[in-house]
Amino acid sequence: LDVLSRPFSFTGGVSHGVSFNAGVAFDDRKRWGVGFTYQHGSSMNFNGEFKLDMSDDFFTQDLAPQGLQYDRLVTGDAELSFSLPKRMTLGAYATLSEELRIDGFVSYVMYSDVDAFVVTATSPGLAQPEVGLGDTVVERLDRDWNDTIWVEASGRYRPIRRLQTSVTVGYQSPAPPERTADVISIDGHRLIGGVGAAYELNSRLSLSGDIRLSGIITQTVDESDYDLANGTYDLFVAAIGGHIKALF
């Protein structure tokens, strides 16, 4: 497998597409509000360049008598195609008092739109006419992802007039099914948490900071279609930020 699975890189990809967003919202004098948005998907076709490492004697000399012989590095043009998913989001907030506000959202993300990543590579170096291979190769990496749910809620509390604190919790369901799981689509049931604070120094200047954490529940994969993908997967991501806001 190490010989037959050759390293492939795709770089410099640029894509152009058309999409749109639409939404409606209602706000009751800042006491409570609700909104709904729809984000349309789009077809992505990234045009770039590829490099294919064929530097193994099996491909560069061992099969030459049978008409199969590659250069050690094959380069050329490539296209990477896939679909961006559609998304529907319902959000709401409620101001319970001058000190306390809660808000949250529920998103339904149609990751089932992502059925595959398709790479089309073209290069004279790919052509092997004696064995019937042309200069274009199409490789399809099936994904068959599931639609997902993303739920998140935040509470914002102002203990004093100039200071606002916040706490966030959330959950995301996994998109990749176990059948197409591999190391480039690490996912699982994801838990989200975060805390933050903002302090107003004066009417024009404020400082804020936040910590956001997310991680998947440990996932054991044993039914993947990809030979090297079975195993135990963990993922933990932390983002820490500090901000200065100034009004002019």
Protein backbone atom coordinates (compact mmCIF):
# COMPACT_ATOMS: atom_id res chain seq x y z
CA LEU A 1 0.00 0.00 0.00
CA ASP A 2 2.86 2.40 0.72
CA VAL A 3 4.10 1.89 -2.84
CA LEU A 4 0.71 2.11 -4.56
CA SER A 5 -0.56 5.14 -2.57
CA ARG A 6 1.52 7.92 -4.09
CA PRO A 7 1.85 11.40 -2.48
CA PHE A 8 -0.30 13.96 -4.32
CA SER A 9 -0.44 17.73 -3.73
CA PHE A 10 -2.86 20.33 -5.13
CA THR A 11 -1.88 24.01 -4.89
CA GLY A 12 -2.91 27.45 -6.10
CA GLY A 13 -6.58 26.60 -6.53
CA VAL A 14 -8.99 29.43 -7.42
CA SER A 15 -12.76 29.01 -7.75
CA HIS A 16 -15.65 31.31 -8.64
CA GLY A 17 -19.25 30.61 -7.73
CA VAL A 18 -22.64 32.20 -7.21
CA SER A 19 -24.76 31.93 -4.06
CA PHE A 20 -27.18 33.98 -1.97
CA ASN A 21 -28.45 34.48 1.58
CA ALA A 22 -31.97 35.45 2.66
CA GLY A 23 -33.48 36.12 6.05
CA VAL A 24 -36.25 37.68 8.13
CA ALA A 25 -36.13 39.08 11.68
CA PHE A 26 -38.41 40.59 14.29
CA ASP A 27 -37.25 42.70 17.23
CA ASP A 28 -39.61 43.77 20.04
CA ARG A 29 -37.98 46.99 21.28
CA LYS A 30 -34.84 45.12 22.38
CA ARG A 31 -36.74 42.99 24.92
CA TRP A 32 -36.71 39.92 22.68
CA GLY A 33 -36.15 39.05 19.08
CA VAL A 34 -36.18 36.18 16.64
CA GLY A 35 -34.68 35.70 13.19
CA PHE A 36 -34.39 33.10 10.45
CA THR A 37 -31.75 32.90 7.71
CA TYR A 38 -31.19 30.67 4.70
CA GLN A 39 -27.74 30.36 3.16
CA HIS A 40 -27.66 28.75 -0.25
CA GLY A 41 -24.87 26.42 -1.26
CA SER A 42 -22.64 26.61 -4.30
CA SER A 43 -20.61 24.38 -6.59
CA MET A 44 -16.88 24.86 -6.13
CA ASN A 45 -14.42 24.10 -8.93
CA PHE A 46 -10.88 25.00 -7.92
CA ASN A 47 -8.45 25.25 -10.83
CA GLY A 48 -4.83 24.86 -9.81
CA GLU A 49 -1.71 22.77 -10.22
CA PHE A 50 -0.73 19.33 -8.97
CA LYS A 51 2.41 17.38 -8.15
CA LEU A 52 2.42 13.57 -8.10
CA ASP A 53 5.39 11.82 -6.52
CA MET A 54 6.08 8.61 -8.46
CA SER A 55 9.66 8.20 -7.17
CA ASP A 56 9.61 4.45 -6.67
CA ASP A 57 11.37 1.91 -8.86
CA PHE A 58 8.06 0.06 -9.26
CA PHE A 59 6.73 2.95 -11.39
CA THR A 60 9.91 4.41 -12.88
CA GLN A 61 11.72 1.29 -14.12
CA ASP A 62 10.39 -2.11 -12.96
CA LEU A 63 7.37 -2.07 -15.30
CA ALA A 64 9.09 -0.38 -18.25
CA PRO A 65 9.22 -3.65 -20.28
CA GLN A 66 5.40 -3.77 -20.00
CA GLY A 67 5.08 -0.17 -21.26
CA LEU A 68 4.50 1.57 -17.90
CA GLN A 69 7.16 4.13 -16.93
CA TYR A 70 6.58 7.46 -15.15
CA ASP A 71 8.88 10.35 -14.38
CA ARG A 72 9.77 10.56 -10.71
CA LEU A 73 7.73 13.78 -10.38
CA VAL A 74 4.65 14.33 -12.54
CA THR A 75 3.24 17.88 -12.67
CA GLY A 76 0.34 19.50 -14.47
CA ASP A 77 -3.06 21.18 -14.17
CA ALA A 78 -5.80 19.96 -11.86
CA GLU A 79 -9.36 20.78 -10.83
CA LEU A 80 -10.85 20.05 -7.39
CA SER A 81 -14.66 19.98 -7.34
CA PHE A 82 -17.15 19.69 -4.49
CA SER A 83 -20.35 21.34 -3.23
CA LEU A 84 -20.77 23.78 -0.36
CA PRO A 85 -23.73 22.83 1.86
CA LYS A 86 -26.92 24.82 2.32
CA ARG A 87 -27.77 26.06 5.83
CA MET A 88 -30.91 27.16 7.70
CA THR A 89 -30.58 28.97 11.03
CA LEU A 90 -33.16 30.03 13.59
CA GLY A 91 -31.93 32.42 16.29
CA ALA A 92 -33.52 34.24 19.21
CA TYR A 93 -32.67 36.41 22.22
CA ALA A 94 -34.46 37.57 25.35
CA THR A 95 -33.52 40.38 27.73
CA LEU A 96 -34.59 39.14 31.16
CA SER A 97 -33.38 42.20 33.07
CA GLU A 98 -30.95 45.09 32.75
CA GLU A 99 -28.19 42.72 33.85
CA LEU A 100 -29.09 39.45 32.12
CA ARG A 101 -29.68 38.47 28.50
CA ILE A 102 -29.79 35.04 26.88
CA ASP A 103 -29.53 34.18 23.19
CA GLY A 104 -28.99 31.17 20.99
CA PHE A 105 -29.50 29.54 17.64
CA VAL A 106 -30.23 26.22 15.95
CA SER A 107 -28.73 25.48 12.53
CA TYR A 108 -29.57 22.68 10.15
CA VAL A 109 -26.64 22.20 7.78
CA MET A 110 -27.20 20.11 4.66
CA TYR A 111 -23.81 18.41 4.49
CA SER A 112 -25.47 15.67 2.43
CA ASP A 113 -24.78 18.07 -0.48
CA VAL A 114 -21.12 17.03 -0.12
CA ASP A 115 -21.19 13.62 -1.78
CA ALA A 116 -17.57 13.58 -3.01
CA PHE A 117 -14.34 15.45 -3.62
CA VAL A 118 -13.44 14.99 -7.28
CA VAL A 119 -9.95 15.68 -8.60
CA THR A 120 -9.33 15.86 -12.37
CA ALA A 121 -5.60 15.91 -13.18
CA THR A 122 -4.20 16.54 -16.67
CA SER A 123 -0.56 16.22 -17.70
CA PRO A 124 1.48 14.70 -20.57
CA GLY A 125 3.40 12.91 -17.81
CA LEU A 126 0.31 10.87 -16.91
CA ALA A 127 -0.07 9.39 -20.40
CA GLN A 128 1.03 5.76 -20.77
CA PRO A 129 -0.20 4.94 -24.31
CA GLU A 130 1.22 1.42 -24.40
CA VAL A 131 -1.10 0.35 -21.58
CA GLY A 132 -4.04 2.51 -22.67
CA LEU A 133 -3.74 5.33 -20.14
CA GLY A 134 -4.42 8.90 -21.33
CA ASP A 135 -3.15 12.23 -20.07
CA THR A 136 -6.19 12.84 -17.81
CA VAL A 137 -7.04 11.01 -14.57
CA VAL A 138 -10.23 11.51 -12.56
CA GLU A 139 -10.09 10.50 -8.90
CA ARG A 140 -13.29 10.53 -6.82
CA LEU A 141 -13.11 10.52 -3.02
CA ASP A 142 -16.62 9.61 -1.84
CA ARG A 143 -17.83 11.47 1.24
CA ASP A 144 -21.62 10.85 1.45
CA TRP A 145 -21.83 13.14 4.45
CA ASN A 146 -24.88 13.45 6.72
CA ASP A 147 -26.92 16.57 7.43
CA THR A 148 -26.01 18.02 10.83
CA ILE A 149 -27.51 19.99 13.69
CA TRP A 150 -25.64 22.84 15.40
CA VAL A 151 -27.14 24.18 18.66
CA GLU A 152 -25.56 26.98 20.68
CA ALA A 153 -26.75 29.13 23.59
CA SER A 154 -25.16 32.02 25.48
CA GLY A 155 -25.90 33.88 28.67
CA ARG A 156 -24.65 37.46 29.08
CA TYR A 157 -24.52 38.99 32.54
CA ARG A 158 -23.53 42.54 33.50
CA PRO A 159 -22.49 42.56 37.20
CA ILE A 160 -21.60 46.26 36.97
CA ARG A 161 -22.46 48.84 34.34
CA ARG A 162 -19.08 48.77 32.57
CA LEU A 163 -18.48 45.00 32.66
CA GLN A 164 -20.28 42.30 30.69
CA THR A 165 -19.49 38.60 31.05
CA SER A 166 -20.68 35.69 28.93
CA VAL A 167 -20.87 31.90 28.98
CA THR A 168 -21.51 29.76 25.88
CA VAL A 169 -22.38 26.07 25.47
CA GLY A 170 -23.14 24.17 22.30
CA TYR A 171 -23.26 20.92 20.36
CA GLN A 172 -22.65 19.85 16.76
CA SER A 173 -23.60 16.47 15.32
CA PRO A 174 -21.07 14.73 13.03
CA ALA A 175 -21.17 14.95 9.24
CA PRO A 176 -18.94 12.06 8.02
CA PRO A 177 -20.45 8.58 8.38
CA GLU A 178 -18.12 5.87 9.62
CA ARG A 179 -18.01 4.28 6.16
CA THR A 180 -16.16 7.27 4.64
CA ALA A 181 -14.26 8.38 7.74
CA ASP A 182 -10.54 9.01 7.33
CA VAL A 183 -7.83 11.33 8.60
CA ILE A 184 -8.90 14.22 6.34
CA SER A 185 -12.45 14.22 7.71
CA ILE A 186 -11.97 13.88 11.45
CA ASP A 187 -15.32 14.51 13.08
CA GLY A 188 -17.66 13.23 15.76
CA HIS A 189 -20.16 14.46 18.30
CA ARG A 190 -18.66 17.86 19.11
CA LEU A 191 -19.11 19.71 22.42
CA ILE A 192 -18.57 23.48 22.55
CA GLY A 193 -17.92 25.81 25.46
CA GLY A 194 -16.65 29.31 26.02
CA VAL A 195 -16.35 32.25 28.38
CA GLY A 196 -15.74 35.91 27.72
CA ALA A 197 -15.74 39.38 29.21
CA ALA A 198 -15.81 42.97 27.95
CA TYR A 199 -14.95 46.08 29.97
CA GLU A 200 -15.83 49.63 28.88
CA LEU A 201 -13.01 52.00 29.80
CA ASN A 202 -15.07 54.95 28.58
CA SER A 203 -17.75 55.74 25.99
CA ARG A 204 -15.27 55.24 23.11
CA LEU A 205 -12.87 52.53 24.27
CA SER A 206 -13.42 48.98 25.53
CA LEU A 207 -11.35 45.86 26.15
CA SER A 208 -12.57 42.30 25.71
CA GLY A 209 -11.29 38.74 25.81
CA ASP A 210 -12.70 35.29 25.27
CA ILE A 211 -11.83 31.61 25.34
CA ARG A 212 -13.65 29.15 23.06
CA LEU A 213 -13.16 25.39 23.36
CA SER A 214 -14.48 22.54 21.25
CA GLY A 215 -13.71 18.86 21.03
CA ILE A 216 -15.17 15.64 19.72
CA ILE A 217 -16.18 12.74 21.91
CA THR A 218 -13.55 10.04 21.32
CA GLN A 219 -14.60 8.07 18.25
CA THR A 220 -13.52 4.53 17.34
CA VAL A 221 -13.81 3.73 13.63
CA ASP A 222 -13.70 0.09 12.51
CA GLU A 223 -15.89 0.03 9.37
CA SER A 224 -14.22 2.60 7.11
CA ASP A 225 -13.87 1.80 3.40
CA TYR A 226 -10.30 3.13 3.55
CA ASP A 227 -7.72 0.59 4.70
CA LEU A 228 -5.66 2.94 6.86
CA ALA A 229 -8.54 4.95 8.35
CA ASN A 230 -9.75 2.58 11.07
CA GLY A 231 -8.68 3.56 14.55
CA THR A 232 -9.45 5.92 17.42
CA TYR A 233 -9.93 9.64 16.73
CA ASP A 234 -9.66 12.60 19.11
CA LEU A 235 -9.83 16.29 18.32
CA PHE A 236 -9.60 19.29 20.63
CA VAL A 237 -9.45 22.94 19.52
CA ALA A 238 -8.95 26.02 21.71
CA ALA A 239 -9.11 29.65 20.62
CA ILE A 240 -8.07 32.49 22.95
CA GLY A 241 -8.56 36.09 21.87
CA GLY A 242 -8.11 39.61 23.15
CA HIS A 243 -9.62 42.69 21.53
CA ILE A 244 -9.57 46.47 21.75
CA LYS A 245 -12.60 48.36 20.43
CA ALA A 246 -12.33 52.07 19.71
CA LEU A 247 -15.02 54.40 18.37
CA PHE A 248 -14.06 57.50 16.39
